[in-house]
């Protein structure tokens, strides 16, 4: 179900970095002055809606002046992923001062940095969660 469009600045990321080649690929697909990323998935944590995917598209939309983005509730995220990992990523974003899509400016990095600073660290979080007998995974 698609909810109303929300202000792009109010979409909260669950990701700290963006991959520069992926940003460039999305920019290359832009037709017109403002990029419409289409509806993006969100999940509610502690009363706030966080992107579960589409961070790059949301950021490019922001860069092109898009004011609002259609979102839908990601009903699969709880069934497919460990929510404790998402919560850890959200806390990581908050520690890094990333509270909205505009805060991803300056966080677009090359593939090697993206791999080490985002992908590998997320895998470590997931691995730690899987081995946590307190119910992390």
N, C-alpha and C. Protein backbone atom coordinates (compact mmCIF):
# COMPACT_ATOMS: atom_id res chain seq x y z
N UNK A 1 0.84 -1.18 0.00
CA UNK A 1 0.00 0.00 0.00
C UNK A 1 0.88 1.24 0.00
N UNK A 2 0.61 2.16 -0.90
CA UNK A 2 1.38 3.40 -0.98
C UNK A 2 0.74 4.43 -0.07
N UNK A 3 1.54 4.99 0.81
CA UNK A 3 1.10 6.06 1.68
C UNK A 3 1.20 7.38 0.93
N UNK A 4 0.78 8.44 1.58
CA UNK A 4 0.96 9.76 0.99
C UNK A 4 2.44 10.03 0.80
N UNK A 5 2.72 10.93 -0.10
CA UNK A 5 4.10 11.35 -0.29
C UNK A 5 4.54 12.14 0.94
N UNK A 6 5.78 11.93 1.32
CA UNK A 6 6.34 12.60 2.49
C UNK A 6 7.47 13.52 2.04
N UNK A 7 7.73 14.58 2.79
CA UNK A 7 8.86 15.45 2.43
C UNK A 7 10.15 14.66 2.43
N UNK A 8 10.94 14.83 1.37
CA UNK A 8 12.18 14.06 1.23
C UNK A 8 13.11 14.29 2.42
N UNK A 9 13.11 15.49 2.96
CA UNK A 9 14.00 15.79 4.09
C UNK A 9 13.59 15.05 5.36
N UNK A 10 12.35 14.55 5.42
CA UNK A 10 11.88 13.83 6.60
C UNK A 10 12.13 12.33 6.53
N UNK A 11 12.54 11.85 5.37
CA UNK A 11 12.84 10.42 5.26
C UNK A 11 14.14 10.14 6.00
N UNK A 12 14.08 9.20 6.92
CA UNK A 12 15.25 8.91 7.75
C UNK A 12 16.00 7.72 7.17
N UNK A 13 17.29 7.89 6.92
CA UNK A 13 18.10 6.80 6.38
C UNK A 13 18.42 5.73 7.41
N UNK A 14 18.64 4.53 6.93
CA UNK A 14 19.17 3.44 7.75
C UNK A 14 20.51 3.01 7.18
N UNK A 15 21.11 3.91 6.41
CA UNK A 15 22.38 3.64 5.73
C UNK A 15 23.24 4.89 5.83
N UNK A 16 24.53 4.71 6.14
CA UNK A 16 25.44 5.84 6.37
C UNK A 16 26.19 6.32 5.13
N UNK A 17 26.30 5.49 4.14
CA UNK A 17 27.10 5.82 2.96
C UNK A 17 26.34 5.46 1.69
N UNK A 18 26.70 6.14 0.61
CA UNK A 18 26.18 5.83 -0.71
C UNK A 18 27.35 5.50 -1.63
N UNK A 19 27.12 4.57 -2.54
CA UNK A 19 28.13 4.13 -3.49
C UNK A 19 28.14 5.09 -4.69
N UNK A 20 29.27 5.76 -4.93
CA UNK A 20 29.36 6.78 -5.99
C UNK A 20 28.96 6.25 -7.37
N UNK A 21 29.43 5.07 -7.80
CA UNK A 21 28.99 4.60 -9.12
C UNK A 21 27.47 4.37 -9.20
N UNK A 22 26.88 3.96 -8.10
CA UNK A 22 25.43 3.76 -8.10
C UNK A 22 24.70 5.10 -8.18
N UNK A 23 25.23 6.11 -7.47
CA UNK A 23 24.65 7.45 -7.57
C UNK A 23 24.75 7.94 -9.02
N UNK A 24 25.91 7.76 -9.64
CA UNK A 24 26.10 8.18 -11.03
C UNK A 24 25.14 7.46 -11.96
N UNK A 25 24.92 6.17 -11.72
CA UNK A 25 24.00 5.40 -12.57
C UNK A 25 22.58 5.92 -12.45
N UNK A 26 22.16 6.30 -11.25
CA UNK A 26 20.81 6.86 -11.08
C UNK A 26 20.73 8.22 -11.75
N UNK A 27 21.76 9.04 -11.59
CA UNK A 27 21.78 10.36 -12.23
C UNK A 27 21.66 10.21 -13.74
N UNK A 28 22.33 9.22 -14.31
CA UNK A 28 22.28 9.00 -15.76
C UNK A 28 20.88 8.65 -16.25
N UNK A 29 20.02 8.14 -15.37
CA UNK A 29 18.66 7.76 -15.76
C UNK A 29 17.65 8.90 -15.65
N UNK A 30 18.09 10.04 -15.15
CA UNK A 30 17.16 11.15 -14.93
C UNK A 30 16.63 11.67 -16.26
N UNK A 31 15.31 11.78 -16.33
CA UNK A 31 14.65 12.38 -17.48
C UNK A 31 13.84 13.55 -16.94
N UNK A 32 14.20 14.75 -17.35
CA UNK A 32 13.52 15.93 -16.83
C UNK A 32 14.35 16.58 -15.75
N UNK A 33 13.80 17.66 -15.20
CA UNK A 33 14.56 18.47 -14.23
C UNK A 33 14.61 17.83 -12.85
N UNK A 34 13.52 17.17 -12.46
CA UNK A 34 13.45 16.61 -11.11
C UNK A 34 13.28 15.10 -11.23
N UNK A 35 14.07 14.37 -10.48
CA UNK A 35 14.02 12.91 -10.50
C UNK A 35 12.93 12.42 -9.55
N UNK A 36 12.02 11.62 -10.08
CA UNK A 36 10.99 10.99 -9.26
C UNK A 36 11.41 9.53 -9.06
N UNK A 37 11.80 9.17 -7.84
CA UNK A 37 12.30 7.82 -7.61
C UNK A 37 11.23 6.74 -7.55
N UNK A 38 9.96 7.14 -7.64
CA UNK A 38 8.89 6.17 -7.47
C UNK A 38 8.72 5.88 -5.99
N UNK A 39 7.75 5.09 -5.61
CA UNK A 39 7.55 4.80 -4.18
C UNK A 39 8.73 4.03 -3.59
N UNK A 40 9.13 4.44 -2.39
CA UNK A 40 10.26 3.81 -1.70
C UNK A 40 9.77 3.13 -0.42
N UNK A 41 10.40 2.02 -0.04
CA UNK A 41 9.97 1.28 1.14
C UNK A 41 10.47 1.91 2.44
N UNK A 42 9.58 1.95 3.42
CA UNK A 42 9.94 2.46 4.75
C UNK A 42 9.43 1.47 5.80
N UNK A 43 10.05 1.53 6.97
CA UNK A 43 9.62 0.71 8.10
C UNK A 43 9.66 1.59 9.33
N UNK A 44 8.68 1.43 10.19
CA UNK A 44 8.61 2.27 11.38
C UNK A 44 9.38 1.66 12.54
N UNK A 45 10.32 2.44 13.04
CA UNK A 45 11.07 2.10 14.25
C UNK A 45 10.85 3.25 15.24
N UNK A 46 10.35 2.92 16.41
CA UNK A 46 10.18 3.92 17.47
C UNK A 46 9.43 5.16 17.00
N UNK A 47 8.38 4.96 16.20
CA UNK A 47 7.54 6.05 15.78
C UNK A 47 8.06 6.87 14.61
N UNK A 48 9.20 6.50 14.06
CA UNK A 48 9.78 7.21 12.92
C UNK A 48 9.86 6.25 11.73
N UNK A 49 9.63 6.78 10.53
CA UNK A 49 9.73 5.95 9.34
C UNK A 49 11.13 6.07 8.73
N UNK A 50 11.76 4.91 8.54
CA UNK A 50 13.11 4.83 8.00
C UNK A 50 13.09 4.13 6.65
N UNK A 51 13.91 4.61 5.74
CA UNK A 51 14.08 3.92 4.47
C UNK A 51 14.69 2.55 4.72
N UNK A 52 14.15 1.53 4.06
CA UNK A 52 14.77 0.22 4.13
C UNK A 52 15.50 -0.10 2.82
N UNK A 53 15.26 0.70 1.82
CA UNK A 53 15.91 0.56 0.52
C UNK A 53 15.70 1.89 -0.21
N UNK A 54 16.42 2.08 -1.30
CA UNK A 54 16.20 3.27 -2.11
C UNK A 54 16.92 4.52 -1.62
N UNK A 55 17.93 4.36 -0.78
CA UNK A 55 18.67 5.51 -0.27
C UNK A 55 19.28 6.33 -1.41
N UNK A 56 19.86 5.66 -2.39
CA UNK A 56 20.49 6.36 -3.51
C UNK A 56 19.44 7.13 -4.30
N UNK A 57 18.32 6.49 -4.60
CA UNK A 57 17.27 7.17 -5.36
C UNK A 57 16.71 8.36 -4.59
N UNK A 58 16.53 8.20 -3.29
CA UNK A 58 16.03 9.31 -2.46
C UNK A 58 17.03 10.47 -2.47
N UNK A 59 18.31 10.16 -2.38
CA UNK A 59 19.33 11.21 -2.36
C UNK A 59 19.38 11.95 -3.69
N UNK A 60 19.34 11.22 -4.79
CA UNK A 60 19.35 11.86 -6.10
C UNK A 60 18.09 12.70 -6.28
N UNK A 61 16.97 12.22 -5.81
CA UNK A 61 15.73 13.02 -5.87
C UNK A 61 15.92 14.32 -5.10
N UNK A 62 16.50 14.22 -3.91
CA UNK A 62 16.79 15.42 -3.11
C UNK A 62 17.69 16.38 -3.88
N UNK A 63 18.75 15.86 -4.49
CA UNK A 63 19.69 16.72 -5.23
C UNK A 63 19.03 17.44 -6.39
N UNK A 64 18.02 16.83 -6.99
CA UNK A 64 17.37 17.45 -8.14
C UNK A 64 16.20 18.36 -7.74
N UNK A 65 15.97 18.49 -6.44
CA UNK A 65 14.93 19.41 -5.98
C UNK A 65 13.58 18.78 -5.74
N UNK A 66 13.51 17.47 -5.72
CA UNK A 66 12.25 16.78 -5.42
C UNK A 66 11.83 17.12 -3.99
N UNK A 67 10.61 17.57 -3.80
CA UNK A 67 10.13 17.96 -2.48
C UNK A 67 9.54 16.80 -1.69
N UNK A 68 8.81 15.92 -2.38
CA UNK A 68 8.10 14.84 -1.70
C UNK A 68 8.33 13.54 -2.46
N UNK A 69 8.35 12.45 -1.68
CA UNK A 69 8.54 11.12 -2.27
C UNK A 69 7.44 10.20 -1.74
N UNK A 70 6.83 9.46 -2.65
CA UNK A 70 5.84 8.46 -2.26
C UNK A 70 6.56 7.32 -1.54
N UNK A 71 5.97 6.85 -0.47
CA UNK A 71 6.54 5.74 0.29
C UNK A 71 5.47 4.68 0.54
N UNK A 72 5.94 3.47 0.83
CA UNK A 72 5.03 2.41 1.23
C UNK A 72 5.65 1.64 2.37
N UNK A 73 4.81 1.05 3.18
CA UNK A 73 5.28 0.28 4.34
C UNK A 73 5.92 -1.01 3.84
N UNK A 74 7.17 -1.22 4.22
CA UNK A 74 7.91 -2.42 3.85
C UNK A 74 7.47 -3.56 4.77
N UNK A 75 6.50 -4.31 4.32
CA UNK A 75 5.92 -5.37 5.15
C UNK A 75 6.80 -6.62 5.20
N UNK A 76 7.79 -6.70 4.32
CA UNK A 76 8.64 -7.89 4.26
C UNK A 76 9.89 -7.78 5.13
N UNK A 77 10.26 -6.57 5.51
CA UNK A 77 11.55 -6.38 6.19
C UNK A 77 11.64 -7.20 7.48
N UNK A 78 10.58 -7.24 8.26
CA UNK A 78 10.63 -7.98 9.53
C UNK A 78 10.74 -9.48 9.31
N UNK A 79 10.16 -9.97 8.22
CA UNK A 79 10.21 -11.40 7.93
C UNK A 79 11.53 -11.81 7.30
N UNK A 80 12.15 -10.91 6.55
CA UNK A 80 13.34 -11.26 5.78
C UNK A 80 14.66 -10.89 6.43
N UNK A 81 14.63 -9.94 7.37
CA UNK A 81 15.88 -9.43 7.94
C UNK A 81 15.79 -9.38 9.46
N UNK A 82 16.92 -9.33 10.07
CA UNK A 82 17.03 -9.21 11.51
C UNK A 82 16.85 -7.73 11.88
N UNK A 83 15.76 -7.41 12.53
CA UNK A 83 15.47 -6.01 12.85
C UNK A 83 16.49 -5.41 13.80
N UNK A 84 17.17 -6.24 14.58
CA UNK A 84 18.19 -5.69 15.48
C UNK A 84 19.35 -5.11 14.67
N UNK A 85 19.61 -5.67 13.50
CA UNK A 85 20.67 -5.13 12.64
C UNK A 85 20.22 -3.78 12.08
N UNK A 86 18.96 -3.69 11.66
CA UNK A 86 18.45 -2.40 11.19
C UNK A 86 18.53 -1.36 12.31
N UNK A 87 18.15 -1.74 13.51
CA UNK A 87 18.23 -0.81 14.65
C UNK A 87 19.67 -0.35 14.90
N UNK A 88 20.60 -1.28 14.79
CA UNK A 88 22.02 -0.94 14.98
C UNK A 88 22.48 0.03 13.89
N UNK A 89 22.03 -0.18 12.67
CA UNK A 89 22.39 0.72 11.57
C UNK A 89 21.77 2.10 11.79
N UNK A 90 20.54 2.14 12.27
CA UNK A 90 19.89 3.41 12.56
C UNK A 90 20.65 4.16 13.65
N UNK A 91 21.04 3.43 14.69
CA UNK A 91 21.82 4.07 15.76
C UNK A 91 23.16 4.57 15.24
N UNK A 92 23.77 3.81 14.37
CA UNK A 92 25.03 4.21 13.75
C UNK A 92 24.82 5.50 12.96
N UNK A 93 23.75 5.57 12.17
CA UNK A 93 23.44 6.80 11.43
C UNK A 93 23.27 7.98 12.38
N UNK A 94 22.54 7.77 13.45
CA UNK A 94 22.31 8.86 14.41
C UNK A 94 23.63 9.33 15.02
N UNK A 95 24.51 8.41 15.37
CA UNK A 95 25.83 8.79 15.91
C UNK A 95 26.64 9.59 14.90
N UNK A 96 26.45 9.29 13.62
CA UNK A 96 27.17 9.97 12.56
C UNK A 96 26.48 11.28 12.14
N UNK A 97 25.33 11.59 12.77
CA UNK A 97 24.61 12.82 12.44
C UNK A 97 23.76 12.73 11.19
N UNK A 98 23.40 11.53 10.80
CA UNK A 98 22.58 11.31 9.61
C UNK A 98 21.15 11.06 10.05
N UNK A 99 20.36 12.11 10.01
CA UNK A 99 18.98 12.00 10.46
C UNK A 99 17.97 12.18 9.34
N UNK A 100 18.43 12.58 8.17
CA UNK A 100 17.57 12.76 7.02
C UNK A 100 18.36 12.57 5.74
N UNK A 101 17.67 12.41 4.64
CA UNK A 101 18.31 12.20 3.34
C UNK A 101 19.33 13.29 3.03
N UNK A 102 19.05 14.58 3.30
CA UNK A 102 20.06 15.61 3.00
C UNK A 102 21.39 15.39 3.73
N UNK A 103 21.36 14.70 4.85
CA UNK A 103 22.58 14.45 5.62
C UNK A 103 23.52 13.46 4.92
N UNK A 104 23.05 12.82 3.86
CA UNK A 104 23.91 11.91 3.11
C UNK A 104 24.88 12.66 2.19
N UNK A 105 24.71 13.97 2.07
CA UNK A 105 25.67 14.78 1.31
C UNK A 105 27.03 14.63 1.98
N UNK A 106 28.04 14.42 1.20
CA UNK A 106 29.38 14.19 1.74
C UNK A 106 29.62 12.75 2.15
N UNK A 107 28.63 11.90 1.96
CA UNK A 107 28.76 10.49 2.33
C UNK A 107 28.74 9.58 1.10
N UNK A 108 28.93 10.17 -0.08
CA UNK A 108 29.01 9.41 -1.32
C UNK A 108 30.47 9.03 -1.51
N UNK A 109 30.73 7.74 -1.51
CA UNK A 109 32.11 7.24 -1.51
C UNK A 109 32.33 6.26 -2.66
N UNK A 110 33.59 6.02 -2.96
CA UNK A 110 33.96 5.07 -4.00
C UNK A 110 33.64 3.65 -3.58
N UNK A 111 33.71 2.73 -4.53
CA UNK A 111 33.34 1.34 -4.26
C UNK A 111 34.14 0.67 -3.14
N UNK A 112 35.45 0.90 -3.09
CA UNK A 112 36.27 0.24 -2.06
C UNK A 112 35.89 0.75 -0.67
N UNK A 113 35.72 2.06 -0.56
CA UNK A 113 35.32 2.64 0.74
C UNK A 113 33.92 2.18 1.11
N UNK A 114 33.02 2.14 0.13
CA UNK A 114 31.66 1.68 0.40
C UNK A 114 31.69 0.25 0.92
N UNK A 115 32.52 -0.58 0.31
CA UNK A 115 32.64 -1.98 0.73
C UNK A 115 33.12 -2.08 2.17
N UNK A 116 34.20 -1.37 2.50
CA UNK A 116 34.77 -1.51 3.84
C UNK A 116 33.98 -0.77 4.91
N UNK A 117 33.51 0.42 4.58
CA UNK A 117 32.84 1.25 5.59
C UNK A 117 31.36 0.93 5.76
N UNK A 118 30.74 0.34 4.75
CA UNK A 118 29.32 0.04 4.88
C UNK A 118 29.04 -1.46 4.80
N UNK A 119 29.32 -2.08 3.68
CA UNK A 119 28.95 -3.49 3.48
C UNK A 119 29.62 -4.39 4.52
N UNK A 120 30.93 -4.28 4.67
CA UNK A 120 31.64 -5.14 5.61
C UNK A 120 31.18 -4.90 7.05
N UNK A 121 30.98 -3.64 7.41
CA UNK A 121 30.54 -3.35 8.78
C UNK A 121 29.13 -3.87 9.03
N UNK A 122 28.27 -3.80 8.02
CA UNK A 122 26.92 -4.36 8.18
C UNK A 122 26.97 -5.87 8.34
N UNK A 123 27.84 -6.51 7.59
CA UNK A 123 28.00 -7.97 7.72
C UNK A 123 28.49 -8.33 9.12
N UNK A 124 29.41 -7.53 9.66
CA UNK A 124 29.88 -7.76 11.03
C UNK A 124 28.74 -7.62 12.02
N UNK A 125 27.90 -6.61 11.83
CA UNK A 125 26.73 -6.44 12.70
C UNK A 125 25.82 -7.66 12.63
N UNK A 126 25.58 -8.12 11.40
CA UNK A 126 24.71 -9.28 11.21
C UNK A 126 25.33 -10.53 11.83
N UNK A 127 26.63 -10.70 11.65
CA UNK A 127 27.31 -11.86 12.24
C UNK A 127 27.26 -11.81 13.76
N UNK A 128 27.48 -10.62 14.33
CA UNK A 128 27.40 -10.46 15.78
C UNK A 128 25.99 -10.75 16.28
N UNK A 129 24.99 -10.33 15.50
CA UNK A 129 23.61 -10.55 15.87
C UNK A 129 23.26 -12.04 15.83
N UNK A 130 23.78 -12.73 14.83
CA UNK A 130 23.53 -14.18 14.69
C UNK A 130 24.12 -14.96 15.86
N UNK A 131 25.22 -14.48 16.41
CA UNK A 131 25.87 -15.21 17.49
C UNK A 131 25.43 -14.74 18.87
N UNK A 132 24.50 -13.78 18.92
CA UNK A 132 24.03 -13.23 20.19
C UNK A 132 22.93 -14.12 20.77
N UNK A 133 23.21 -14.82 21.86
CA UNK A 133 22.20 -15.71 22.42
C UNK A 133 21.03 -14.96 23.08
N UNK A 134 21.16 -13.64 23.21
CA UNK A 134 20.10 -12.85 23.83
C UNK A 134 18.98 -12.54 22.86
N UNK A 135 19.06 -13.06 21.65
CA UNK A 135 17.95 -12.88 20.73
C UNK A 135 18.23 -11.93 19.62
N UNK A 136 19.48 -11.65 19.32
CA UNK A 136 19.80 -10.74 18.25
C UNK A 136 19.52 -11.33 16.89
N UNK A 137 19.45 -12.64 16.76
CA UNK A 137 19.23 -13.19 15.43
C UNK A 137 18.92 -14.58 15.48
